[in-house]
Amino acid sequence: MILEVAHLQVIPGQAAAFEQAFGQAQTIISAMPGYAGHQLQRSLTDPHRYLLLVSWQRLEDHTQGFRGSAQYQQWKALLHHFYDPFPTVEHYQIAEHYQGVEHCQAVAWGVNTAALPAV
């Protein structure tokens, strides 16, 4: 599993319009092959900063599949004009020797962990 982390800075005064547009755009990304989930987090200290977290099955599902698709052009048309500066995007994977992966992933994605087995 790959985690795409995008730091988004939205033009001041455009946050509400951005969130509305994102509501449309998320239907695009969620239909892509290899997509496994996403979250859009808004900063508590700066209402124009967001963190977009997208889980992909493989790195190529994002870098080649999504970004090389016609759907990405729709995504760009909906969202890219809200950003200044353009977002930074990084990709992460779970560290090899990290313990408690299932529990931490579930918490990060809002799963009720009471039903999960102890780690």
PDB file of N, CA and C in Angstrom:
ATOM      1  N   MET A   1       0.849  -1.175   0.000  1.00  0.00           N
ATOM      2  CA  MET A   1       0.000   0.000   0.000  1.00  0.00           C
ATOM      3  C   MET A   1       0.896   1.240   0.000  1.00  0.00           C
ATOM      4  N   ILE A   2       0.540   2.207  -0.816  1.00  0.00           N
ATOM      5  CA  ILE A   2       1.284   3.457  -0.949  1.00  0.00           C
ATOM      6  C   ILE A   2       0.400   4.596  -0.458  1.00  0.00           C
ATOM      7  N   LEU A   3       0.981   5.520   0.273  1.00  0.00           N
ATOM      8  CA  LEU A   3       0.252   6.698   0.734  1.00  0.00           C
ATOM      9  C   LEU A   3       0.788   7.921   0.008  1.00  0.00           C
ATOM     10  N   GLU A   4      -0.072   8.547  -0.769  1.00  0.00           N
ATOM     11  CA  GLU A   4       0.244   9.828  -1.413  1.00  0.00           C
ATOM     12  C   GLU A   4      -0.098  10.926  -0.415  1.00  0.00           C
ATOM     13  N   VAL A   5       0.836  11.838  -0.188  1.00  0.00           N
ATOM     14  CA  VAL A   5       0.630  12.961   0.725  1.00  0.00           C
ATOM     15  C   VAL A   5       0.826  14.245  -0.066  1.00  0.00           C
ATOM     16  N   ALA A   6      -0.252  15.011  -0.198  1.00  0.00           N
ATOM     17  CA  ALA A   6      -0.196  16.275  -0.942  1.00  0.00           C
ATOM     18  C   ALA A   6      -0.485  17.421   0.016  1.00  0.00           C
ATOM     19  N   HIS A   7       0.431  18.381   0.060  1.00  0.00           N
ATOM     20  CA  HIS A   7       0.261  19.595   0.863  1.00  0.00           C
ATOM     21  C   HIS A   7      -0.351  20.655  -0.039  1.00  0.00           C
ATOM     22  N   LEU A   8      -1.566  21.076   0.289  1.00  0.00           N
ATOM     23  CA  LEU A   8      -2.311  22.004  -0.554  1.00  0.00           C
ATOM     24  C   LEU A   8      -2.435  23.361   0.125  1.00  0.00           C
ATOM     25  N   GLN A   9      -2.116  24.415  -0.590  1.00  0.00           N
ATOM     26  CA  GLN A   9      -2.315  25.786  -0.123  1.00  0.00           C
ATOM     27  C   GLN A   9      -3.349  26.411  -1.050  1.00  0.00           C
ATOM     28  N   VAL A  10      -4.524  26.698  -0.503  1.00  0.00           N
ATOM     29  CA  VAL A  10      -5.627  27.247  -1.286  1.00  0.00           C
ATOM     30  C   VAL A  10      -5.579  28.773  -1.210  1.00  0.00           C
ATOM     31  N   ILE A  11      -5.858  29.417  -2.320  1.00  0.00           N
ATOM     32  CA  ILE A  11      -5.867  30.882  -2.388  1.00  0.00           C
ATOM     33  C   ILE A  11      -6.827  31.426  -1.330  1.00  0.00           C
ATOM     34  N   PRO A  12      -6.394  32.412  -0.537  1.00  0.00           N
ATOM     35  CA  PRO A  12      -7.268  32.991   0.494  1.00  0.00           C
ATOM     36  C   PRO A  12      -8.621  33.415  -0.085  1.00  0.00           C
ATOM     37  N   GLY A  13      -9.662  33.089   0.669  1.00  0.00           N
ATOM     38  CA  GLY A  13     -11.012  33.414   0.250  1.00  0.00           C
ATOM     39  C   GLY A  13     -11.658  32.363  -0.632  1.00  0.00           C
ATOM     40  N   GLN A  14     -10.908  31.309  -0.981  1.00  0.00           N
ATOM     41  CA  GLN A  14     -11.411  30.282  -1.897  1.00  0.00           C
ATOM     42  C   GLN A  14     -11.651  28.926  -1.222  1.00  0.00           C
ATOM     43  N   ALA A  15     -11.502  28.858   0.095  1.00  0.00           N
ATOM     44  CA  ALA A  15     -11.600  27.565   0.786  1.00  0.00           C
ATOM     45  C   ALA A  15     -12.960  26.902   0.590  1.00  0.00           C
ATOM     46  N   ALA A  16     -14.038  27.640   0.746  1.00  0.00           N
ATOM     47  CA  ALA A  16     -15.374  27.043   0.608  1.00  0.00           C
ATOM     48  C   ALA A  16     -15.595  26.533  -0.814  1.00  0.00           C
ATOM     49  N   ALA A  17     -15.197  27.312  -1.800  1.00  0.00           N
ATOM     50  CA  ALA A  17     -15.349  26.892  -3.197  1.00  0.00           C
ATOM     51  C   ALA A  17     -14.468  25.678  -3.488  1.00  0.00           C
ATOM     52  N   PHE A  18     -13.255  25.664  -2.916  1.00  0.00           N
ATOM     53  CA  PHE A  18     -12.363  24.520  -3.090  1.00  0.00           C
ATOM     54  C   PHE A  18     -12.996  23.255  -2.520  1.00  0.00           C
ATOM     55  N   GLU A  19     -13.524  23.341  -1.308  1.00  0.00           N
ATOM     56  CA  GLU A  19     -14.121  22.163  -0.686  1.00  0.00           C
ATOM     57  C   GLU A  19     -15.323  21.659  -1.487  1.00  0.00           C
ATOM     58  N   GLN A  20     -16.087  22.559  -2.035  1.00  0.00           N
ATOM     59  CA  GLN A  20     -17.217  22.161  -2.871  1.00  0.00           C
ATOM     60  C   GLN A  20     -16.721  21.455  -4.141  1.00  0.00           C
ATOM     61  N   ALA A  21     -15.703  22.020  -4.774  1.00  0.00           N
ATOM     62  CA  ALA A  21     -15.135  21.401  -5.974  1.00  0.00           C
ATOM     63  C   ALA A  21     -14.510  20.051  -5.643  1.00  0.00           C
ATOM     64  N   PHE A  22     -13.879  19.957  -4.477  1.00  0.00           N
ATOM     65  CA  PHE A  22     -13.285  18.684  -4.078  1.00  0.00           C
ATOM     66  C   PHE A  22     -14.360  17.615  -3.920  1.00  0.00           C
ATOM     67  N   GLY A  23     -15.532  18.015  -3.450  1.00  0.00           N
ATOM     68  CA  GLY A  23     -16.638  17.070  -3.346  1.00  0.00           C
ATOM     69  C   GLY A  23     -16.959  16.419  -4.678  1.00  0.00           C
ATOM     70  N   GLN A  24     -16.841  17.175  -5.756  1.00  0.00           N
ATOM     71  CA  GLN A  24     -17.034  16.617  -7.097  1.00  0.00           C
ATOM     72  C   GLN A  24     -15.817  15.794  -7.520  1.00  0.00           C
ATOM     73  N   ALA A  25     -14.639  16.332  -7.267  1.00  0.00           N
ATOM     74  CA  ALA A  25     -13.405  15.693  -7.731  1.00  0.00           C
ATOM     75  C   ALA A  25     -13.166  14.340  -7.072  1.00  0.00           C
ATOM     76  N   GLN A  26     -13.604  14.178  -5.829  1.00  0.00           N
ATOM     77  CA  GLN A  26     -13.333  12.912  -5.149  1.00  0.00           C
ATOM     78  C   GLN A  26     -14.045  11.733  -5.810  1.00  0.00           C
ATOM     79  N   THR A  27     -15.117  11.988  -6.529  1.00  0.00           N
ATOM     80  CA  THR A  27     -15.770  10.895  -7.252  1.00  0.00           C
ATOM     81  C   THR A  27     -14.912  10.426  -8.423  1.00  0.00           C
ATOM     82  N   ILE A  28     -14.095  11.326  -8.943  1.00  0.00           N
ATOM     83  CA  ILE A  28     -13.191  10.969 -10.043  1.00  0.00           C
ATOM     84  C   ILE A  28     -12.093  10.047  -9.539  1.00  0.00           C
ATOM     85  N   ILE A  29     -11.406  10.478  -8.491  1.00  0.00           N
ATOM     86  CA  ILE A  29     -10.257   9.706  -8.016  1.00  0.00           C
ATOM     87  C   ILE A  29     -10.688   8.375  -7.417  1.00  0.00           C
ATOM     88  N   SER A  30     -11.838   8.355  -6.757  1.00  0.00           N
ATOM     89  CA  SER A  30     -12.264   7.117  -6.100  1.00  0.00           C
ATOM     90  C   SER A  30     -12.655   6.020  -7.090  1.00  0.00           C
ATOM     91  N   ALA A  31     -12.849   6.369  -8.344  1.00  0.00           N
ATOM     92  CA  ALA A  31     -13.191   5.377  -9.371  1.00  0.00           C
ATOM     93  C   ALA A  31     -11.965   4.844 -10.112  1.00  0.00           C
ATOM     94  N   MET A  32     -10.778   5.330  -9.768  1.00  0.00           N
ATOM     95  CA  MET A  32      -9.572   4.943 -10.498  1.00  0.00           C
ATOM     96  C   MET A  32      -9.063   3.568 -10.068  1.00  0.00           C
ATOM     97  N   PRO A  33      -8.533   2.787 -11.013  1.00  0.00           N
ATOM     98  CA  PRO A  33      -7.915   1.509 -10.659  1.00  0.00           C
ATOM     99  C   PRO A  33      -6.767   1.729  -9.670  1.00  0.00           C
ATOM    100  N   GLY A  34      -6.712   0.891  -8.646  1.00  0.00           N
ATOM    101  CA  GLY A  34      -5.653   0.976  -7.652  1.00  0.00           C
ATOM    102  C   GLY A  34      -5.946   1.917  -6.506  1.00  0.00           C
ATOM    103  N   TYR A  35      -7.010   2.698  -6.598  1.00  0.00           N
ATOM    104  CA  TYR A  35      -7.400   3.609  -5.516  1.00  0.00           C
ATOM    105  C   TYR A  35      -7.864   2.776  -4.325  1.00  0.00           C
ATOM    106  N   ALA A  36      -7.444   3.182  -3.100  1.00  0.00           N
ATOM    107  CA  ALA A  36      -7.824   2.428  -1.905  1.00  0.00           C
ATOM    108  C   ALA A  36      -8.445   3.293  -0.814  1.00  0.00           C
ATOM    109  N   GLY A  37      -8.522   4.598  -0.994  1.00  0.00           N
ATOM    110  CA  GLY A  37      -9.138   5.472   0.008  1.00  0.00           C
ATOM    111  C   GLY A  37      -8.472   6.831   0.031  1.00  0.00           C
ATOM    112  N   HIS A  38      -9.159   7.796   0.642  1.00  0.00           N
ATOM    113  CA  HIS A  38      -8.570   9.133   0.760  1.00  0.00           C
ATOM    114  C   HIS A  38      -9.175   9.890   1.933  1.00  0.00           C
ATOM    115  N   GLN A  39      -8.478  10.936   2.332  1.00  0.00           N
ATOM    116  CA  GLN A  39      -8.939  11.898   3.329  1.00  0.00           C
ATOM    117  C   GLN A  39      -8.477  13.273   2.900  1.00  0.00           C
ATOM    118  N   LEU A  40      -9.311  14.274   3.143  1.00  0.00           N
ATOM    119  CA  LEU A  40      -8.912  15.665   2.977  1.00  0.00           C
ATOM    120  C   LEU A  40      -8.974  16.291   4.354  1.00  0.00           C
ATOM    121  N   GLN A  41      -7.830  16.724   4.862  1.00  0.00           N
ATOM    122  CA  GLN A  41      -7.733  17.319   6.193  1.00  0.00           C
ATOM    123  C   GLN A  41      -7.490  18.817   6.059  1.00  0.00           C
ATOM    124  N   ARG A  42      -8.229  19.613   6.825  1.00  0.00           N
ATOM    125  CA  ARG A  42      -8.049  21.067   6.823  1.00  0.00           C
ATOM    126  C   ARG A  42      -7.268  21.465   8.071  1.00  0.00           C
ATOM    127  N   SER A  43      -6.294  22.341   7.912  1.00  0.00           N
ATOM    128  CA  SER A  43      -5.467  22.792   9.025  1.00  0.00           C
ATOM    129  C   SER A  43      -6.299  23.557  10.050  1.00  0.00           C
ATOM    130  N   LEU A  44      -6.022  23.309  11.310  1.00  0.00           N
ATOM    131  CA  LEU A  44      -6.667  24.060  12.388  1.00  0.00           C
ATOM    132  C   LEU A  44      -6.036  25.432  12.578  1.00  0.00           C
ATOM    133  N   THR A  45      -4.787  25.582  12.165  1.00  0.00           N
ATOM    134  CA  THR A  45      -4.076  26.844  12.385  1.00  0.00           C
ATOM    135  C   THR A  45      -4.073  27.758  11.175  1.00  0.00           C
ATOM    136  N   ASP A  46      -4.310  27.213   9.991  1.00  0.00           N
ATOM    137  CA  ASP A  46      -4.363  28.013   8.767  1.00  0.00           C
ATOM    138  C   ASP A  46      -5.486  27.464   7.894  1.00  0.00           C
ATOM    139  N   PRO A  47      -6.626  28.143   7.837  1.00  0.00           N
ATOM    140  CA  PRO A  47      -7.793  27.604   7.138  1.00  0.00           C
ATOM    141  C   PRO A  47      -7.634  27.482   5.623  1.00  0.00           C
ATOM    142  N   HIS A  48      -6.483  27.879   5.098  1.00  0.00           N
ATOM    143  CA  HIS A  48      -6.241  27.750   3.659  1.00  0.00           C
ATOM    144  C   HIS A  48      -5.264  26.621   3.332  1.00  0.00           C
ATOM    145  N   ARG A  49      -4.831  25.900   4.367  1.00  0.00           N
ATOM    146  CA  ARG A  49      -3.906  24.778   4.170  1.00  0.00           C
ATOM    147  C   ARG A  49      -4.651  23.462   4.368  1.00  0.00           C
ATOM    148  N   TYR A  50      -4.392  22.549   3.464  1.00  0.00           N
ATOM    149  CA  TYR A  50      -5.023  21.231   3.514  1.00  0.00           C
ATOM    150  C   TYR A  50      -3.963  20.157   3.329  1.00  0.00           C
ATOM    151  N   LEU A  51      -4.296  18.983   3.800  1.00  0.00           N
ATOM    152  CA  LEU A  51      -3.477  17.802   3.589  1.00  0.00           C
ATOM    153  C   LEU A  51      -4.372  16.765   2.919  1.00  0.00           C
ATOM    154  N   LEU A  52      -3.992  16.342   1.728  1.00  0.00           N
ATOM    155  CA  LEU A  52      -4.729  15.306   1.014  1.00  0.00           C
ATOM    156  C   LEU A  52      -3.942  14.008   1.120  1.00  0.00           C
ATOM    157  N   LEU A  53      -4.576  12.994   1.670  1.00  0.00           N
ATOM    158  CA  LEU A  53      -3.977  11.674   1.824  1.00  0.00           C
ATOM    159  C   LEU A  53      -4.744  10.704   0.940  1.00  0.00           C
ATOM    160  N   VAL A  54      -4.033  10.056   0.032  1.00  0.00           N
ATOM    161  CA  VAL A  54      -4.673   9.088  -0.863  1.00  0.00           C
ATOM    162  C   VAL A  54      -3.896   7.779  -0.789  1.00  0.00           C
ATOM    163  N   SER A  55      -4.598   6.700  -0.530  1.00  0.00           N
ATOM    164  CA  SER A  55      -3.974   5.372  -0.530  1.00  0.00           C
ATOM    165  C   SER A  55      -4.154   4.731  -1.896  1.00  0.00           C
ATOM    166  N   TRP A  56      -3.050   4.194  -2.385  1.00  0.00           N
ATOM    167  CA  TRP A  56      -3.026   3.501  -3.676  1.00  0.00           C
ATOM    168  C   TRP A  56      -2.464   2.101  -3.458  1.00  0.00           C
ATOM    169  N   GLN A  57      -2.889   1.164  -4.275  1.00  0.00           N
ATOM    170  CA  GLN A  57      -2.341  -0.191  -4.198  1.00  0.00           C
ATOM    171  C   GLN A  57      -0.859  -0.197  -4.576  1.00  0.00           C
ATOM    172  N   ARG A  58      -0.509   0.536  -5.635  1.00  0.00           N
ATOM    173  CA  ARG A  58       0.878   0.606  -6.107  1.00  0.00           C
ATOM    174  C   ARG A  58       1.200   2.055  -6.460  1.00  0.00           C
ATOM    175  N   LEU A  59       2.448   2.426  -6.425  1.00  0.00           N
ATOM    176  CA  LEU A  59       2.879   3.770  -6.800  1.00  0.00           C
ATOM    177  C   LEU A  59       2.431   4.109  -8.218  1.00  0.00           C
ATOM    178  N   GLU A  60       2.562   3.135  -9.121  1.00  0.00           N
ATOM    179  CA  GLU A  60       2.213   3.360 -10.523  1.00  0.00           C
ATOM    180  C   GLU A  60       0.722   3.639 -10.728  1.00  0.00           C
ATOM    181  N   ASP A  61      -0.110   3.176  -9.805  1.00  0.00           N
ATOM    182  CA  ASP A  61      -1.542   3.472  -9.913  1.00  0.00           C
ATOM    183  C   ASP A  61      -1.783   4.974  -9.854  1.00  0.00           C
ATOM    184  N   HIS A  62      -0.939   5.683  -9.109  1.00  0.00           N
ATOM    185  CA  HIS A  62      -1.054   7.139  -9.045  1.00  0.00           C
ATOM    186  C   HIS A  62      -0.241   7.812 -10.141  1.00  0.00           C
ATOM    187  N   THR A  63       1.053   7.498 -10.194  1.00  0.00           N
ATOM    188  CA  THR A  63       1.961   8.248 -11.061  1.00  0.00           C
ATOM    189  C   THR A  63       1.733   8.004 -12.545  1.00  0.00           C
ATOM    190  N   GLN A  64       1.311   6.811 -12.902  1.00  0.00           N
ATOM    191  CA  GLN A  64       1.070   6.500 -14.314  1.00  0.00           C
ATOM    192  C   GLN A  64      -0.422   6.373 -14.613  1.00  0.00           C
ATOM    193  N   GLY A  65      -1.123   5.572 -13.809  1.00  0.00           N
ATOM    194  CA  GLY A  65      -2.535   5.324 -14.061  1.00  0.00           C
ATOM    195  C   GLY A  65      -3.389   6.575 -13.944  1.00  0.00           C
ATOM    196  N   PHE A  66      -3.405   7.193 -12.763  1.00  0.00           N
ATOM    197  CA  PHE A  66      -4.244   8.371 -12.561  1.00  0.00           C
ATOM    198  C   PHE A  66      -3.710   9.580 -13.314  1.00  0.00           C
ATOM    199  N   ARG A  67      -2.439   9.894 -13.111  1.00  0.00           N
ATOM    200  CA  ARG A  67      -1.897  11.102 -13.747  1.00  0.00           C
ATOM    201  C   ARG A  67      -1.841  11.013 -15.270  1.00  0.00           C
ATOM    202  N   GLY A  68      -1.849   9.824 -15.805  1.00  0.00           N
ATOM    203  CA  GLY A  68      -1.832   9.669 -17.254  1.00  0.00           C
ATOM    204  C   GLY A  68      -3.210   9.509 -17.870  1.00  0.00           C
ATOM    205  N   SER A  69      -4.239   9.679 -17.068  1.00  0.00           N
ATOM    206  CA  SER A  69      -5.599   9.408 -17.539  1.00  0.00           C
ATOM    207  C   SER A  69      -6.353  10.674 -17.951  1.00  0.00           C
ATOM    208  N   ALA A  70      -7.414  10.474 -18.713  1.00  0.00           N
ATOM    209  CA  ALA A  70      -8.323  11.576 -19.062  1.00  0.00           C
ATOM    210  C   ALA A  70      -9.019  12.099 -17.805  1.00  0.00           C
ATOM    211  N   GLN A  71      -9.250  11.226 -16.838  1.00  0.00           N
ATOM    212  CA  GLN A  71      -9.885  11.640 -15.588  1.00  0.00           C
ATOM    213  C   GLN A  71      -9.020  12.642 -14.827  1.00  0.00           C
ATOM    214  N   TYR A  72      -7.700  12.503 -14.944  1.00  0.00           N
ATOM    215  CA  TYR A  72      -6.811  13.465 -14.280  1.00  0.00           C
ATOM    216  C   TYR A  72      -6.999  14.861 -14.864  1.00  0.00           C
ATOM    217  N   GLN A  73      -7.272  14.948 -16.142  1.00  0.00           N
ATOM    218  CA  GLN A  73      -7.525  16.257 -16.754  1.00  0.00           C
ATOM    219  C   GLN A  73      -8.786  16.886 -16.161  1.00  0.00           C
ATOM    220  N   GLN A  74      -9.793  16.077 -15.883  1.00  0.00           N
ATOM    221  CA  GLN A  74     -11.001  16.575 -15.220  1.00  0.00           C
ATOM    222  C   GLN A  74     -10.683  17.039 -13.802  1.00  0.00           C
ATOM    223  N   TRP A  75      -9.889  16.251 -13.087  1.00  0.00           N
ATOM    224  CA  TRP A  75      -9.453  16.576 -11.723  1.00  0.00           C
ATOM    225  C   TRP A  75      -8.735  17.926 -11.719  1.00  0.00           C
ATOM    226  N   LYS A  76      -7.796  18.078 -12.648  1.00  0.00           N
ATOM    227  CA  LYS A  76      -7.044  19.332 -12.747  1.00  0.00           C
ATOM    228  C   LYS A  76      -7.970  20.511 -13.010  1.00  0.00           C
ATOM    229  N   ALA A  77      -8.913  20.359 -13.923  1.00  0.00           N
ATOM    230  CA  ALA A  77      -9.833  21.448 -14.261  1.00  0.00           C
ATOM    231  C   ALA A  77     -10.675  21.859 -13.053  1.00  0.00           C
ATOM    232  N   LEU A  78     -11.028  20.901 -12.215  1.00  0.00           N
ATOM    233  CA  LEU A  78     -11.832  21.204 -11.035  1.00  0.00           C
ATOM    234  C   LEU A  78     -11.030  21.860  -9.915  1.00  0.00           C
ATOM    235  N   LEU A  79      -9.757  21.467  -9.744  1.00  0.00           N
ATOM    236  CA  LEU A  79      -9.035  21.829  -8.524  1.00  0.00           C
ATOM    237  C   LEU A  79      -7.800  22.710  -8.679  1.00  0.00           C
ATOM    238  N   HIS A  80      -7.057  22.566  -9.742  1.00  0.00           N
ATOM    239  CA  HIS A  80      -5.728  23.182  -9.784  1.00  0.00           C
ATOM    240  C   HIS A  80      -5.742  24.705  -9.742  1.00  0.00           C
ATOM    241  N   HIS A  81      -6.798  25.342 -10.172  1.00  0.00           N
ATOM    242  CA  HIS A  81      -6.837  26.809 -10.137  1.00  0.00           C
ATOM    243  C   HIS A  81      -7.004  27.361  -8.719  1.00  0.00           C
ATOM    244  N   PHE A  82      -7.257  26.501  -7.736  1.00  0.00           N
ATOM    245  CA  PHE A  82      -7.390  26.941  -6.341  1.00  0.00           C
ATOM    246  C   PHE A  82      -6.038  27.036  -5.629  1.00  0.00           C
ATOM    247  N   TYR A  83      -4.973  26.477  -6.192  1.00  0.00           N
ATOM    248  CA  TYR A  83      -3.703  26.344  -5.485  1.00  0.00           C
ATOM    249  C   TYR A  83      -2.734  27.477  -5.781  1.00  0.00           C
ATOM    250  N   ASP A  84      -2.110  27.975  -4.721  1.00  0.00           N
ATOM    251  CA  ASP A  84      -0.998  28.915  -4.853  1.00  0.00           C
ATOM    252  C   ASP A  84      -0.195  28.881  -3.559  1.00  0.00           C
ATOM    253  N   PRO A  85       0.992  28.298  -3.610  1.00  0.00           N
ATOM    254  CA  PRO A  85       1.693  27.712  -4.753  1.00  0.00           C
ATOM    255  C   PRO A  85       1.140  26.321  -5.086  1.00  0.00           C
ATOM    256  N   PHE A  86       1.690  25.742  -6.153  1.00  0.00           N
ATOM    257  CA  PHE A  86       1.261  24.415  -6.560  1.00  0.00           C
ATOM    258  C   PHE A  86       1.646  23.408  -5.473  1.00  0.00           C
ATOM    259  N   PRO A  87       0.815  22.411  -5.218  1.00  0.00           N
ATOM    260  CA  PRO A  87       1.060  21.460  -4.127  1.00  0.00           C
ATOM    261  C   PRO A  87       2.355  20.669  -4.276  1.00  0.00           C
ATOM    262  N   THR A  88       2.900  20.317  -3.126  1.00  0.00           N
ATOM    263  CA  THR A  88       3.988  19.344  -3.097  1.00  0.00           C
ATOM    264  C   THR A  88       3.359  17.981  -2.845  1.00  0.00           C
ATOM    265  N   VAL A  89       3.869  16.968  -3.527  1.00  0.00           N
ATOM    266  CA  VAL A  89       3.324  15.620  -3.410  1.00  0.00           C
ATOM    267  C   VAL A  89       4.471  14.658  -3.140  1.00  0.00           C
ATOM    268  N   GLU A  90       4.278  13.810  -2.139  1.00  0.00           N
ATOM    269  CA  GLU A  90       5.250  12.775  -1.811  1.00  0.00           C
ATOM    270  C   GLU A  90       4.513  11.454  -1.668  1.00  0.00           C
ATOM    271  N   HIS A  91       5.265  10.367  -1.761  1.00  0.00           N
ATOM    272  CA  HIS A  91       4.690   9.032  -1.620  1.00  0.00           C
ATOM    273  C   HIS A  91       5.419   8.298  -0.496  1.00  0.00           C
ATOM    274  N   TYR A  92       4.650   7.583   0.315  1.00  0.00           N
ATOM    275  CA  TYR A  92       5.193   6.876   1.469  1.00  0.00           C
ATOM    276  C   TYR A  92       4.704   5.435   1.468  1.00  0.00           C
ATOM    277  N   GLN A  93       5.488   4.594   2.137  1.00  0.00           N
ATOM    278  CA  GLN A  93       5.044   3.234   2.433  1.00  0.00           C
ATOM    279  C   GLN A  93       5.371   2.955   3.890  1.00  0.00           C
ATOM    280  N   ILE A  94       4.700   1.991   4.459  1.00  0.00           N
ATOM    281  CA  ILE A  94       4.895   1.674   5.868  1.00  0.00           C
ATOM    282  C   ILE A  94       6.298   1.122   6.071  1.00  0.00           C
ATOM    283  N   ALA A  95       6.968   1.616   7.107  1.00  0.00           N
ATOM    284  CA  ALA A  95       8.317   1.170   7.424  1.00  0.00           C
ATOM    285  C   ALA A  95       8.305  -0.332   7.720  1.00  0.00           C
ATOM    286  N   GLU A  96       9.325  -0.999   7.247  1.00  0.00           N
ATOM    287  CA  GLU A  96       9.387  -2.461   7.292  1.00  0.00           C
ATOM    288  C   GLU A  96       9.225  -3.035   8.697  1.00  0.00           C
ATOM    289  N   HIS A  97       9.829  -2.423   9.691  1.00  0.00           N
ATOM    290  CA  HIS A  97       9.836  -3.003  11.033  1.00  0.00           C
ATOM    291  C   HIS A  97       8.851  -2.330  11.977  1.00  0.00           C
ATOM    292  N   TYR A  98       7.911  -1.603  11.441  1.00  0.00           N
ATOM    293  CA  TYR A  98       6.915  -0.930  12.269  1.00  0.00           C
ATOM    294  C   TYR A  98       5.905  -1.948  12.782  1.00  0.00           C
ATOM    295  N   GLN A  99       5.548  -1.856  14.062  1.00  0.00           N
ATOM    296  CA  GLN A  99       4.576  -2.765  14.663  1.00  0.00           C
ATOM    297  C   GLN A  99       3.215  -2.086  14.769  1.00  0.00           C
ATOM    298  N   GLY A 100       2.166  -2.854  14.734  1.00  0.00           N
ATOM    299  CA  GLY A 100       0.829  -2.309  14.928  1.00  0.00           C
ATOM    300  C   GLY A 100       0.253  -1.651  13.697  1.00  0.00           C
ATOM    301  N   VAL A 101       0.654  -2.089  12.543  1.00  0.00           N
ATOM    302  CA  VAL A 101       0.256  -1.459  11.294  1.00  0.00           C
ATOM    303  C   VAL A 101      -1.256  -1.465  11.111  1.00  0.00           C
ATOM    304  N   GLU A 102      -1.884  -2.599  11.318  1.00  0.00           N
ATOM    305  CA  GLU A 102      -3.322  -2.686  11.067  1.00  0.00           C
ATOM    306  C   GLU A 102      -4.086  -1.707  11.945  1.00  0.00           C
ATOM    307  N   HIS A 103      -3.716  -1.644  13.218  1.00  0.00           N
ATOM    308  CA  HIS A 103      -4.393  -0.751  14.147  1.00  0.00           C
ATOM    309  C   HIS A 103      -4.193   0.709  13.750  1.00  0.00           C
ATOM    310  N   CYS A 104      -2.974   1.095  13.444  1.00  0.00           N
ATOM    311  CA  CYS A 104      -2.694   2.492  13.098  1.00  0.00           C
ATOM    312  C   CYS A 104      -3.368   2.889  11.794  1.00  0.00           C
ATOM    313  N   GLN A 105      -3.371   2.013  10.814  1.00  0.00           N
ATOM    314  CA  GLN A 105      -4.059   2.317   9.558  1.00  0.00           C
ATOM    315  C   GLN A 105      -5.547   2.482   9.799  1.00  0.00           C
ATOM    316  N   ALA A 106      -6.106   1.615  10.605  1.00  0.00           N
ATOM    317  CA  ALA A 106      -7.538   1.693  10.874  1.00  0.00           C
ATOM    318  C   ALA A 106      -7.883   2.998  11.578  1.00  0.00           C
ATOM    319  N   VAL A 107      -7.080   3.396  12.550  1.00  0.00           N
ATOM    320  CA  VAL A 107      -7.314   4.655  13.252  1.00  0.00           C
ATOM    321  C   VAL A 107      -7.208   5.817  12.282  1.00  0.00           C
ATOM    322  N   ALA A 108      -6.189   5.804  11.427  1.00  0.00           N
ATOM    323  CA  ALA A 108      -5.988   6.896  10.477  1.00  0.00           C
ATOM    324  C   ALA A 108      -7.161   7.031   9.524  1.00  0.00           C
ATOM    325  N   TRP A 109      -7.809   5.933   9.195  1.00  0.00           N
ATOM    326  CA  TRP A 109      -8.916   5.981   8.236  1.00  0.00           C
ATOM    327  C   TRP A 109     -10.273   5.988   8.920  1.00  0.00           C
ATOM    328  N   GLY A 110     -10.296   6.158  10.255  1.00  0.00           N
ATOM    329  CA  GLY A 110     -11.562   6.327  10.947  1.00  0.00           C
ATOM    330  C   GLY A 110     -12.324   5.041  11.222  1.00  0.00           C
ATOM    331  N   VAL A 111     -11.628   3.922  11.275  1.00  0.00           N
ATOM    332  CA  VAL A 111     -12.284   2.644  11.542  1.00  0.00           C
ATOM    333  C   VAL A 111     -12.439   2.473  13.046  1.00  0.00           C
ATOM    334  N   ASN A 112     -13.547   1.913  13.483  1.00  0.00           N
ATOM    335  CA  ASN A 112     -13.746   1.596  14.894  1.00  0.00           C
ATOM    336  C   ASN A 112     -12.801   0.456  15.247  1.00  0.00           C
ATOM    337  N   THR A 113     -11.782   0.754  16.025  1.00  0.00           N
ATOM    338  CA  THR A 113     -10.748  -0.241  16.311  1.00  0.00           C
ATOM    339  C   THR A 113     -11.133  -1.201  17.427  1.00  0.00           C
ATOM    340  N   ALA A 114     -12.244  -0.987  18.101  1.00  0.00           N
ATOM    341  CA  ALA A 114     -12.650  -1.881  19.179  1.00  0.00           C
ATOM    342  C   ALA A 114     -12.880  -3.299  18.663  1.00  0.00           C
ATOM    343  N   ALA A 115     -13.271  -3.428  17.411  1.00  0.00           N
ATOM    344  CA  ALA A 115     -13.554  -4.743  16.837  1.00  0.00           C
ATOM    345  C   ALA A 115     -12.313  -5.418  16.254  1.00  0.00           C
ATOM    346  N   LEU A 116     -11.185  -4.714  16.235  1.00  0.00           N
ATOM    347  CA  LEU A 116      -9.965  -5.287  15.655  1.00  0.00           C
ATOM    348  C   LEU A 116      -9.248  -6.160  16.673  1.00  0.00           C
ATOM    349  N   PRO A 117      -8.530  -7.185  16.212  1.00  0.00           N
ATOM    350  CA  PRO A 117      -7.750  -8.010  17.136  1.00  0.00           C
ATOM    351  C   PRO A 117      -6.595  -7.207  17.721  1.00  0.00           C
ATOM    352  N   ALA A 118      -6.183  -7.572  18.926  1.00  0.00           N
ATOM    353  CA  ALA A 118      -5.048  -6.897  19.569  1.00  0.00           C
ATOM    354  C   ALA A 118      -3.796  -7.143  18.759  1.00  0.00           C
ATOM    355  N   VAL A 119      -2.931  -6.146  18.728  1.00  0.00           N
ATOM    356  CA  VAL A 119      -1.689  -6.239  17.966  1.00  0.00           C
ATOM    357  C   VAL A 119      -0.562  -6.567  18.900  1.00  0.00           C
TER     358      VAL A 119
END
